[in-house]
């Protein structure tokens, strides 16, 4: 199910319960912390940011890494992308990338399993499931990826959710003495010793749900761009170079 649709349903429920915003509220929508807190409370949903959209009369609402647009009177909601035709730039994608970067950076490397040397040219964050075929294929090539000066930061993401077999495996991997070795063994379908400890699995699962990708592996670049699915090492490097160049040219 499309997560953006779920979020929109939540917002619409709040709007119907709270009614349209007053004219006085329209004048300052998204321009003060107090106003944003009032809007968030009214809609019963955490809103990370509300600000003027590129189109006059619309406000941009960022929820997690999802971006939607709201009319000034709170009546109309737009689910779609705003594209600047003059500059050939998808402004909504740009905001999604910024939101993903903030979310990943805030999560922290202490909650990741990292493969790669110091000072890599590229660093990617990969949501991975131990039972995912293409996640296993990617990990089988981890040495080749690292040799291309790409560091891989794994976030454990059992895509079938709490209670699934892969969820328990993810917990066991995190609780192992050597997480790198345990993850590699899990990707080879080897049994990992069952252990109990505090793990970030639920937090990384919720993070992935908030980002809204559809499958694993899901790769987030250092700039917050989303690369869906598996790419061979050389193709991955070329894609990362291309995305980095596009950011440098902005």
C-alpha atoms as a PDB file:
ATOM      1  CA  UNK A   1       0.000   0.000   0.000  1.00  0.00           C
ATOM      2  CA  UNK A   2       1.258   3.499  -0.846  1.00  0.00           C
ATOM      3  CA  UNK A   3       2.475   5.109   2.384  1.00  0.00           C
ATOM      4  CA  UNK A   4       1.832   8.586   1.014  1.00  0.00           C
ATOM      5  CA  UNK A   5      -1.816   7.620   0.612  1.00  0.00           C
ATOM      6  CA  UNK A   6      -1.968   6.507   4.240  1.00  0.00           C
ATOM      7  CA  UNK A   7      -0.452   9.783   5.403  1.00  0.00           C
ATOM      8  CA  UNK A   8      -2.884  11.751   3.292  1.00  0.00           C
ATOM      9  CA  UNK A   9      -5.755   9.793   4.808  1.00  0.00           C
ATOM     10  CA  UNK A  10      -4.539  10.732   8.285  1.00  0.00           C
ATOM     11  CA  UNK A  11      -4.301  14.386   7.326  1.00  0.00           C
ATOM     12  CA  UNK A  12      -7.726  14.416   5.709  1.00  0.00           C
ATOM     13  CA  UNK A  13      -9.206  12.879   8.840  1.00  0.00           C
ATOM     14  CA  UNK A  14      -7.671  15.662  10.896  1.00  0.00           C
ATOM     15  CA  UNK A  15      -8.854  18.347   8.519  1.00  0.00           C
ATOM     16  CA  UNK A  16     -12.385  17.051   8.531  1.00  0.00           C
ATOM     17  CA  UNK A  17     -12.367  16.973  12.312  1.00  0.00           C
ATOM     18  CA  UNK A  18     -10.779  20.398  12.711  1.00  0.00           C
ATOM     19  CA  UNK A  19     -12.308  22.289   9.791  1.00  0.00           C
ATOM     20  CA  UNK A  20     -10.593  24.810   7.535  1.00  0.00           C
ATOM     21  CA  UNK A  21      -8.012  27.218   8.864  1.00  0.00           C
ATOM     22  CA  UNK A  22      -9.113  30.722   9.697  1.00  0.00           C
ATOM     23  CA  UNK A  23      -8.079  33.747   7.637  1.00  0.00           C
ATOM     24  CA  UNK A  24      -5.726  34.831  10.419  1.00  0.00           C
ATOM     25  CA  UNK A  25      -4.091  31.420  10.403  1.00  0.00           C
ATOM     26  CA  UNK A  26      -3.684  31.577   6.622  1.00  0.00           C
ATOM     27  CA  UNK A  27      -1.573  34.713   6.938  1.00  0.00           C
ATOM     28  CA  UNK A  28       1.069  32.968   9.018  1.00  0.00           C
ATOM     29  CA  UNK A  29       0.736  29.295   8.085  1.00  0.00           C
ATOM     30  CA  UNK A  30       4.109  27.598   8.505  1.00  0.00           C
ATOM     31  CA  UNK A  31       5.902  30.808   9.492  1.00  0.00           C
ATOM     32  CA  UNK A  32       6.153  30.263  13.239  1.00  0.00           C
ATOM     33  CA  UNK A  33       6.896  27.318  15.469  1.00  0.00           C
ATOM     34  CA  UNK A  34       3.754  27.973  17.475  1.00  0.00           C
ATOM     35  CA  UNK A  35       1.634  27.838  14.326  1.00  0.00           C
ATOM     36  CA  UNK A  36       3.235  24.590  13.166  1.00  0.00           C
ATOM     37  CA  UNK A  37       2.657  23.009  16.557  1.00  0.00           C
ATOM     38  CA  UNK A  38      -1.002  24.045  16.461  1.00  0.00           C
ATOM     39  CA  UNK A  39      -1.423  22.546  12.991  1.00  0.00           C
ATOM     40  CA  UNK A  40       0.324  19.317  14.001  1.00  0.00           C
ATOM     41  CA  UNK A  41      -1.894  18.992  17.058  1.00  0.00           C
ATOM     42  CA  UNK A  42      -5.039  19.633  15.025  1.00  0.00           C
ATOM     43  CA  UNK A  43      -4.155  16.943  12.478  1.00  0.00           C
ATOM     44  CA  UNK A  44      -2.877  14.505  15.106  1.00  0.00           C
ATOM     45  CA  UNK A  45       0.242  13.793  13.063  1.00  0.00           C
ATOM     46  CA  UNK A  46       3.891  14.815  13.440  1.00  0.00           C
ATOM     47  CA  UNK A  47       4.751  17.400  10.801  1.00  0.00           C
ATOM     48  CA  UNK A  48       8.467  17.983  10.355  1.00  0.00           C
ATOM     49  CA  UNK A  49       8.167  21.078   8.257  1.00  0.00           C
ATOM     50  CA  UNK A  50       5.604  23.405   6.709  1.00  0.00           C
ATOM     51  CA  UNK A  51       6.754  26.153   4.383  1.00  0.00           C
ATOM     52  CA  UNK A  52       5.833  28.099   1.274  1.00  0.00           C
ATOM     53  CA  UNK A  53       5.781  25.977  -1.870  1.00  0.00           C
ATOM     54  CA  UNK A  54       7.226  27.172  -5.167  1.00  0.00           C
ATOM     55  CA  UNK A  55       3.671  27.741  -6.419  1.00  0.00           C
ATOM     56  CA  UNK A  56       2.045  30.799  -4.785  1.00  0.00           C
ATOM     57  CA  UNK A  57      -0.882  29.873  -2.567  1.00  0.00           C
ATOM     58  CA  UNK A  58       0.400  26.393  -1.762  1.00  0.00           C
ATOM     59  CA  UNK A  59       2.267  25.214   1.306  1.00  0.00           C
ATOM     60  CA  UNK A  60       4.702  22.336   1.307  1.00  0.00           C
ATOM     61  CA  UNK A  61       4.176  19.744   4.035  1.00  0.00           C
ATOM     62  CA  UNK A  62       6.981  17.280   4.776  1.00  0.00           C
ATOM     63  CA  UNK A  63       6.040  14.233   6.850  1.00  0.00           C
ATOM     64  CA  UNK A  64       9.035  11.980   7.376  1.00  0.00           C
ATOM     65  CA  UNK A  65      10.382  11.965   3.835  1.00  0.00           C
ATOM     66  CA  UNK A  66       6.978  12.260   2.175  1.00  0.00           C
ATOM     67  CA  UNK A  67       6.108  15.595   0.541  1.00  0.00           C
ATOM     68  CA  UNK A  68       2.582  16.839  -0.133  1.00  0.00           C
ATOM     69  CA  UNK A  69       1.029  20.257  -0.719  1.00  0.00           C
ATOM     70  CA  UNK A  70      -1.771  22.061   1.080  1.00  0.00           C
ATOM     71  CA  UNK A  71      -3.799  25.083   0.023  1.00  0.00           C
ATOM     72  CA  UNK A  72      -3.592  28.185   2.201  1.00  0.00           C
ATOM     73  CA  UNK A  73      -7.102  27.695   3.575  1.00  0.00           C
ATOM     74  CA  UNK A  74      -6.427  24.066   4.486  1.00  0.00           C
ATOM     75  CA  UNK A  75      -9.174  22.826   2.193  1.00  0.00           C
ATOM     76  CA  UNK A  76      -7.258  21.322  -0.726  1.00  0.00           C
ATOM     77  CA  UNK A  77      -4.461  18.763  -0.632  1.00  0.00           C
ATOM     78  CA  UNK A  78      -2.239  17.983  -3.623  1.00  0.00           C
ATOM     79  CA  UNK A  79      -0.335  14.693  -3.886  1.00  0.00           C
ATOM     80  CA  UNK A  80       2.138  15.040  -6.739  1.00  0.00           C
ATOM     81  CA  UNK A  81       5.416  16.534  -7.916  1.00  0.00           C
ATOM     82  CA  UNK A  82       6.198  20.163  -8.673  1.00  0.00           C
ATOM     83  CA  UNK A  83       8.598  20.456 -11.600  1.00  0.00           C
ATOM     84  CA  UNK A  84      10.436  23.660 -12.502  1.00  0.00           C
ATOM     85  CA  UNK A  85      10.292  23.505 -16.304  1.00  0.00           C
ATOM     86  CA  UNK A  86      12.610  26.463 -16.750  1.00  0.00           C
ATOM     87  CA  UNK A  87      15.401  24.862 -14.724  1.00  0.00           C
ATOM     88  CA  UNK A  88      14.453  21.250 -15.576  1.00  0.00           C
ATOM     89  CA  UNK A  89      14.314  20.334 -11.896  1.00  0.00           C
ATOM     90  CA  UNK A  90      11.871  18.224  -9.915  1.00  0.00           C
ATOM     91  CA  UNK A  91      11.504  20.347  -6.779  1.00  0.00           C
ATOM     92  CA  UNK A  92       9.523  17.701  -4.919  1.00  0.00           C
ATOM     93  CA  UNK A  93      12.193  15.047  -5.480  1.00  0.00           C
ATOM     94  CA  UNK A  94      14.770  17.531  -4.223  1.00  0.00           C
ATOM     95  CA  UNK A  95      12.832  18.022  -0.985  1.00  0.00           C
ATOM     96  CA  UNK A  96      12.331  14.273  -0.567  1.00  0.00           C
ATOM     97  CA  UNK A  97      16.087  13.767  -0.873  1.00  0.00           C
ATOM     98  CA  UNK A  98      16.759  16.466   1.715  1.00  0.00           C
ATOM     99  CA  UNK A  99      14.268  14.863   4.101  1.00  0.00           C
ATOM    100  CA  UNK A 100      15.785  11.396   3.592  1.00  0.00           C
ATOM    101  CA  UNK A 101      19.279  12.744   4.253  1.00  0.00           C
ATOM    102  CA  UNK A 102      18.170  14.376   7.501  1.00  0.00           C
ATOM    103  CA  UNK A 103      16.419  11.184   8.615  1.00  0.00           C
ATOM    104  CA  UNK A 104      19.410   8.945   7.839  1.00  0.00           C
ATOM    105  CA  UNK A 105      21.969  11.321   9.365  1.00  0.00           C
ATOM    106  CA  UNK A 106      19.873  11.605  12.514  1.00  0.00           C
ATOM    107  CA  UNK A 107      19.648   7.828  12.836  1.00  0.00           C
ATOM    108  CA  UNK A 108      23.399   7.525  13.297  1.00  0.00           C
ATOM    109  CA  UNK A 109      26.090   5.025  12.377  1.00  0.00           C
ATOM    110  CA  UNK A 110      25.906   3.396  15.808  1.00  0.00           C
ATOM    111  CA  UNK A 111      22.713   1.754  14.547  1.00  0.00           C
ATOM    112  CA  UNK A 112      24.263   0.463  11.326  1.00  0.00           C
ATOM    113  CA  UNK A 113      26.511  -2.407  10.238  1.00  0.00           C
ATOM    114  CA  UNK A 114      29.248  -0.874   8.116  1.00  0.00           C
ATOM    115  CA  UNK A 115      31.421  -2.432   5.416  1.00  0.00           C
ATOM    116  CA  UNK A 116      34.147  -0.272   3.897  1.00  0.00           C
ATOM    117  CA  UNK A 117      37.438   1.436   4.559  1.00  0.00           C
ATOM    118  CA  UNK A 118      38.218   4.959   5.665  1.00  0.00           C
ATOM    119  CA  UNK A 119      37.656   7.995   3.438  1.00  0.00           C
ATOM    120  CA  UNK A 120      35.556   6.344   0.717  1.00  0.00           C
ATOM    121  CA  UNK A 121      34.579   8.322  -2.372  1.00  0.00           C
ATOM    122  CA  UNK A 122      30.938   7.349  -1.858  1.00  0.00           C
ATOM    123  CA  UNK A 123      28.980   6.266   1.203  1.00  0.00           C
ATOM    124  CA  UNK A 124      25.609   4.593   0.787  1.00  0.00           C
ATOM    125  CA  UNK A 125      23.041   3.482   3.337  1.00  0.00           C
ATOM    126  CA  UNK A 126      21.253   0.270   2.385  1.00  0.00           C
ATOM    127  CA  UNK A 127      18.044  -1.046   3.927  1.00  0.00           C
ATOM    128  CA  UNK A 128      18.573  -4.791   3.791  1.00  0.00           C
ATOM    129  CA  UNK A 129      16.621  -7.950   4.580  1.00  0.00           C
ATOM    130  CA  UNK A 130      18.524 -11.167   5.264  1.00  0.00           C
ATOM    131  CA  UNK A 131      15.925 -13.175   3.289  1.00  0.00           C
ATOM    132  CA  UNK A 132      15.827 -10.872   0.246  1.00  0.00           C
ATOM    133  CA  UNK A 133      17.319 -12.446  -2.902  1.00  0.00           C
ATOM    134  CA  UNK A 134      18.764  -9.249  -4.338  1.00  0.00           C
ATOM    135  CA  UNK A 135      19.980  -8.132  -0.901  1.00  0.00           C
ATOM    136  CA  UNK A 136      21.972 -11.346  -0.816  1.00  0.00           C
ATOM    137  CA  UNK A 137      23.263 -10.740  -4.326  1.00  0.00           C
ATOM    138  CA  UNK A 138      24.406  -7.245  -3.375  1.00  0.00           C
ATOM    139  CA  UNK A 139      26.153  -8.518  -0.255  1.00  0.00           C
ATOM    140  CA  UNK A 140      27.889 -11.286  -2.205  1.00  0.00           C
ATOM    141  CA  UNK A 141      29.594  -8.441  -4.093  1.00  0.00           C
ATOM    142  CA  UNK A 142      30.399  -6.329  -1.031  1.00  0.00           C
ATOM    143  CA  UNK A 143      34.171  -6.721  -1.496  1.00  0.00           C
ATOM    144  CA  UNK A 144      33.942  -5.524  -5.106  1.00  0.00           C
ATOM    145  CA  UNK A 145      31.776  -2.594  -4.007  1.00  0.00           C
ATOM    146  CA  UNK A 146      34.249  -1.634  -1.296  1.00  0.00           C
ATOM    147  CA  UNK A 147      37.122  -1.933  -3.804  1.00  0.00           C
ATOM    148  CA  UNK A 148      35.399   0.808  -5.831  1.00  0.00           C
ATOM    149  CA  UNK A 149      35.719   3.086  -2.770  1.00  0.00           C
ATOM    150  CA  UNK A 150      32.052   2.718  -1.858  1.00  0.00           C
ATOM    151  CA  UNK A 151      31.299   2.242   1.833  1.00  0.00           C
ATOM    152  CA  UNK A 152      28.079   0.395   2.639  1.00  0.00           C
ATOM    153  CA  UNK A 153      26.157   1.196   5.809  1.00  0.00           C
ATOM    154  CA  UNK A 154      23.485  -1.431   6.378  1.00  0.00           C
ATOM    155  CA  UNK A 155      20.221  -0.812   8.179  1.00  0.00           C
ATOM    156  CA  UNK A 156      18.441  -4.021   9.140  1.00  0.00           C
ATOM    157  CA  UNK A 157      14.998  -3.992   7.549  1.00  0.00           C
ATOM    158  CA  UNK A 158      13.018  -7.260   7.824  1.00  0.00           C
ATOM    159  CA  UNK A 159      10.413  -6.322   5.240  1.00  0.00           C
ATOM    160  CA  UNK A 160       7.705  -8.675   6.530  1.00  0.00           C
ATOM    161  CA  UNK A 161       7.701  -6.885   9.856  1.00  0.00           C
ATOM    162  CA  UNK A 162       7.688  -7.859  13.539  1.00  0.00           C
ATOM    163  CA  UNK A 163       7.172 -11.529  14.262  1.00  0.00           C
ATOM    164  CA  UNK A 164       8.595 -12.706  10.942  1.00  0.00           C
ATOM    165  CA  UNK A 165      11.482 -15.150  10.662  1.00  0.00           C
ATOM    166  CA  UNK A 166      13.732 -12.480   9.170  1.00  0.00           C
ATOM    167  CA  UNK A 167      12.921 -10.178  12.091  1.00  0.00           C
ATOM    168  CA  UNK A 168      14.349 -12.679  14.561  1.00  0.00           C
ATOM    169  CA  UNK A 169      17.360 -13.249  12.312  1.00  0.00           C
ATOM    170  CA  UNK A 170      17.975  -9.493  12.195  1.00  0.00           C
ATOM    171  CA  UNK A 171      17.896  -9.345  15.992  1.00  0.00           C
ATOM    172  CA  UNK A 172      20.300 -12.290  16.212  1.00  0.00           C
ATOM    173  CA  UNK A 173      22.681 -10.618  13.758  1.00  0.00           C
ATOM    174  CA  UNK A 174      22.715  -7.420  15.777  1.00  0.00           C
ATOM    175  CA  UNK A 175      23.305  -9.256  19.054  1.00  0.00           C
ATOM    176  CA  UNK A 176      26.226 -11.292  17.653  1.00  0.00           C
ATOM    177  CA  UNK A 177      29.772 -10.592  18.819  1.00  0.00           C
ATOM    178  CA  UNK A 178      30.820  -9.942  15.200  1.00  0.00           C
ATOM    179  CA  UNK A 179      27.920  -8.285  13.396  1.00  0.00           C
ATOM    180  CA  UNK A 180      29.656  -8.170  10.025  1.00  0.00           C
ATOM    181  CA  UNK A 181      30.378 -11.900  10.103  1.00  0.00           C
ATOM    182  CA  UNK A 182      26.888 -12.707  11.385  1.00  0.00           C
ATOM    183  CA  UNK A 183      25.240 -10.672   8.629  1.00  0.00           C
ATOM    184  CA  UNK A 184      27.369 -12.396   6.006  1.00  0.00           C
ATOM    185  CA  UNK A 185      26.417 -15.804   7.398  1.00  0.00           C
ATOM    186  CA  UNK A 186      22.738 -14.850   7.473  1.00  0.00           C
ATOM    187  CA  UNK A 187      22.934 -13.802   3.819  1.00  0.00           C
ATOM    188  CA  UNK A 188      24.307 -17.280   3.079  1.00  0.00           C
ATOM    189  CA  UNK A 189      21.258 -18.778   4.813  1.00  0.00           C
ATOM    190  CA  UNK A 190      23.373 -20.021   7.710  1.00  0.00           C
ATOM    191  CA  UNK A 191      21.884 -20.333  11.188  1.00  0.00           C
ATOM    192  CA  UNK A 192      22.749 -17.462  13.516  1.00  0.00           C
ATOM    193  CA  UNK A 193      22.865 -18.140  17.239  1.00  0.00           C
ATOM    194  CA  UNK A 194      19.762 -16.799  18.967  1.00  0.00           C
ATOM    195  CA  UNK A 195      20.576 -14.029  21.408  1.00  0.00           C
ATOM    196  CA  UNK A 196      18.768 -11.294  23.277  1.00  0.00           C
ATOM    197  CA  UNK A 197      19.930  -7.687  23.458  1.00  0.00           C
ATOM    198  CA  UNK A 198      18.746  -4.171  22.736  1.00  0.00           C
ATOM    199  CA  UNK A 199      18.606  -3.742  18.960  1.00  0.00           C
ATOM    200  CA  UNK A 200      17.761  -0.924  16.524  1.00  0.00           C
ATOM    201  CA  UNK A 201      15.698  -3.232  14.298  1.00  0.00           C
ATOM    202  CA  UNK A 202      12.328  -1.694  15.170  1.00  0.00           C
ATOM    203  CA  UNK A 203      13.730   1.816  14.778  1.00  0.00           C
ATOM    204  CA  UNK A 204      15.282   1.072  11.379  1.00  0.00           C
ATOM    205  CA  UNK A 205      12.077  -0.653  10.268  1.00  0.00           C
ATOM    206  CA  UNK A 206      10.035   2.420  11.175  1.00  0.00           C
ATOM    207  CA  UNK A 207      12.590   4.642   9.468  1.00  0.00           C
ATOM    208  CA  UNK A 208      12.229   2.623   6.279  1.00  0.00           C
ATOM    209  CA  UNK A 209       8.452   2.739   6.506  1.00  0.00           C
ATOM    210  CA  UNK A 210       8.623   6.512   6.827  1.00  0.00           C
ATOM    211  CA  UNK A 211      10.896   6.840   3.811  1.00  0.00           C
ATOM    212  CA  UNK A 212       8.370   4.849   1.829  1.00  0.00           C
ATOM    213  CA  UNK A 213      10.381   2.646  -0.536  1.00  0.00           C
ATOM    214  CA  UNK A 214       8.642  -0.399  -1.983  1.00  0.00           C
ATOM    215  CA  UNK A 215      11.236  -3.147  -1.642  1.00  0.00           C
ATOM    216  CA  UNK A 216      14.740  -4.133  -0.655  1.00  0.00           C
ATOM    217  CA  UNK A 217      17.520  -3.447  -1.161  1.00  0.00           C
ATOM    218  CA  UNK A 218      16.784   0.267  -0.950  1.00  0.00           C
ATOM    219  CA  UNK A 219      19.863   2.463  -1.189  1.00  0.00           C
ATOM    220  CA  UNK A 220      20.114   6.043   0.058  1.00  0.00           C
ATOM    221  CA  UNK A 221      23.046   8.132  -1.154  1.00  0.00           C
ATOM    222  CA  UNK A 222      24.960  10.636   0.954  1.00  0.00           C
ATOM    223  CA  UNK A 223      22.774  13.373  -0.570  1.00  0.00           C
ATOM    224  CA  UNK A 224      19.535  11.531   0.176  1.00  0.00           C
ATOM    225  CA  UNK A 225      18.765  10.208  -3.304  1.00  0.00           C
ATOM    226  CA  UNK A 226      16.950   6.869  -3.420  1.00  0.00           C
ATOM    227  CA  UNK A 227      18.230   4.039  -5.620  1.00  0.00           C
ATOM    228  CA  UNK A 228      15.635   1.285  -5.716  1.00  0.00           C
ATOM    229  CA  UNK A 229      16.721  -2.312  -6.155  1.00  0.00           C
ATOM    230  CA  UNK A 230      20.008  -3.982  -7.005  1.00  0.00           C
ATOM    231  CA  UNK A 231      22.750  -2.662  -9.280  1.00  0.00           C
ATOM    232  CA  UNK A 232      26.011  -4.477 -10.120  1.00  0.00           C
ATOM    233  CA  UNK A 233      29.079  -2.807  -8.559  1.00  0.00           C
ATOM    234  CA  UNK A 234      30.259  -0.908 -11.648  1.00  0.00           C
ATOM    235  CA  UNK A 235      26.738   0.234 -12.519  1.00  0.00           C
ATOM    236  CA  UNK A 236      26.273   1.330  -8.918  1.00  0.00           C
ATOM    237  CA  UNK A 237      29.457   3.405  -9.070  1.00  0.00           C
ATOM    238  CA  UNK A 238      28.363   5.037 -12.321  1.00  0.00           C
ATOM    239  CA  UNK A 239      24.970   5.876 -10.836  1.00  0.00           C
ATOM    240  CA  UNK A 240      26.548   7.354  -7.712  1.00  0.00           C
ATOM    241  CA  UNK A 241      28.951   9.449  -9.795  1.00  0.00           C
ATOM    242  CA  UNK A 242      26.038  10.686 -11.898  1.00  0.00           C
ATOM    243  CA  UNK A 243      23.956  11.659  -8.875  1.00  0.00           C
ATOM    244  CA  UNK A 244      26.908  13.360  -7.173  1.00  0.00           C
ATOM    245  CA  UNK A 245      27.630  15.362 -10.334  1.00  0.00           C
ATOM    246  CA  UNK A 246      24.000  16.463 -10.528  1.00  0.00           C
ATOM    247  CA  UNK A 247      24.157  17.787  -6.965  1.00  0.00           C
ATOM    248  CA  UNK A 248      27.465  19.553  -7.574  1.00  0.00           C
ATOM    249  CA  UNK A 249      26.034  21.316 -10.625  1.00  0.00           C
ATOM    250  CA  UNK A 250      23.072  22.796  -8.732  1.00  0.00           C
END
